[in-house]
Amino acid sequence: MDHERLKYERMHRNLYCTISGRPDSWGRHINEVLHLTVKPREWWEREIGKHWKTVESLGGSNKVFEIVGRG
């Protein structure tokens, strides 16, 4: 994830994410965890804030939400 994030950060000033905080339901069919980063909104805000100057949470629920990073 970090390598891809760094490439994106160099190319774009802003970031828009729709994030699902739900564990996946399909991975059990193949004995794999498919949604590797199930974290709460606050965790995502802190992580995005490490790389963009401002972070805005646009709403949603505790399980699916949107976050914008700018600058």
Protein backbone atom coordinates (compact mmCIF):
# COMPACT_ATOMS: atom_id res chain seq x y z
CA MET A 1 0.00 0.00 0.00
CA ASP A 2 2.75 2.49 0.84
CA HIS A 3 4.50 2.17 -2.54
CA GLU A 4 1.27 2.81 -4.44
CA ARG A 5 0.34 5.68 -2.12
CA LEU A 6 3.68 7.37 -2.69
CA LYS A 7 3.28 7.12 -6.47
CA TYR A 8 -0.20 8.64 -6.21
CA GLU A 9 0.97 11.38 -3.84
CA ARG A 10 3.66 12.51 -6.28
CA MET A 11 1.18 12.70 -9.16
CA HIS A 12 -1.89 14.27 -7.50
CA ARG A 13 -2.55 17.12 -5.09
CA ASN A 14 -5.90 15.80 -3.90
CA LEU A 15 -7.26 12.44 -2.87
CA TYR A 16 -10.87 11.26 -2.71
CA CYS A 17 -11.62 7.92 -1.07
CA THR A 18 -14.73 5.92 -0.39
CA ILE A 19 -13.69 3.53 2.33
CA SER A 20 -15.43 0.42 3.53
CA GLY A 21 -14.80 -0.54 7.13
CA ARG A 22 -16.58 -3.85 6.77
CA PRO A 23 -14.77 -7.17 6.68
CA ASP A 24 -15.18 -8.92 3.34
CA SER A 25 -17.69 -11.74 3.05
CA TRP A 26 -16.28 -13.53 0.00
CA GLY A 27 -12.77 -14.37 1.15
CA ARG A 28 -14.01 -17.19 3.34
CA HIS A 29 -14.99 -19.07 0.18
CA ILE A 30 -11.33 -19.25 -0.83
CA ASN A 31 -9.84 -19.19 2.69
CA GLU A 32 -8.36 -15.71 2.18
CA VAL A 33 -8.92 -12.32 3.78
CA LEU A 34 -9.68 -9.97 0.89
CA HIS A 35 -10.25 -6.70 2.75
CA LEU A 36 -6.89 -6.22 4.46
CA THR A 37 -7.29 -2.74 5.91
CA VAL A 38 -10.50 -2.73 7.95
CA LYS A 39 -9.91 0.27 10.18
CA PRO A 40 -12.15 2.94 11.76
CA ARG A 41 -12.66 6.37 10.19
CA GLU A 42 -10.29 8.04 12.68
CA TRP A 43 -7.44 5.74 11.67
CA TRP A 44 -7.93 6.61 8.00
CA GLU A 45 -8.08 10.34 8.79
CA ARG A 46 -4.75 10.11 10.66
CA GLU A 47 -3.09 8.07 7.91
CA ILE A 48 -4.26 10.37 5.10
CA GLY A 49 -3.31 13.39 7.24
CA LYS A 50 0.30 12.19 7.25
CA HIS A 51 0.52 12.84 3.51
CA TRP A 52 -2.02 15.57 2.67
CA LYS A 53 -2.22 18.99 4.34
CA THR A 54 -5.95 18.94 5.06
CA VAL A 55 -8.29 16.04 5.60
CA GLU A 56 -12.06 16.29 5.42
CA SER A 57 -14.50 13.55 6.29
CA LEU A 58 -17.57 13.88 4.08
CA GLY A 59 -19.97 11.71 5.98
CA GLY A 60 -21.37 8.28 5.51
CA SER A 61 -21.73 5.74 8.28
CA ASN A 62 -19.19 4.17 10.59
CA LYS A 63 -18.80 1.32 8.11
CA VAL A 64 -18.69 3.15 4.75
CA PHE A 65 -17.46 6.73 4.49
CA GLU A 66 -15.77 9.29 2.26
CA ILE A 67 -12.56 11.17 3.02
CA VAL A 68 -10.83 13.92 1.00
CA GLY A 69 -7.15 14.81 1.35
CA ARG A 70 -5.98 18.12 -0.11
CA GLY A 71 -2.63 19.70 -0.68
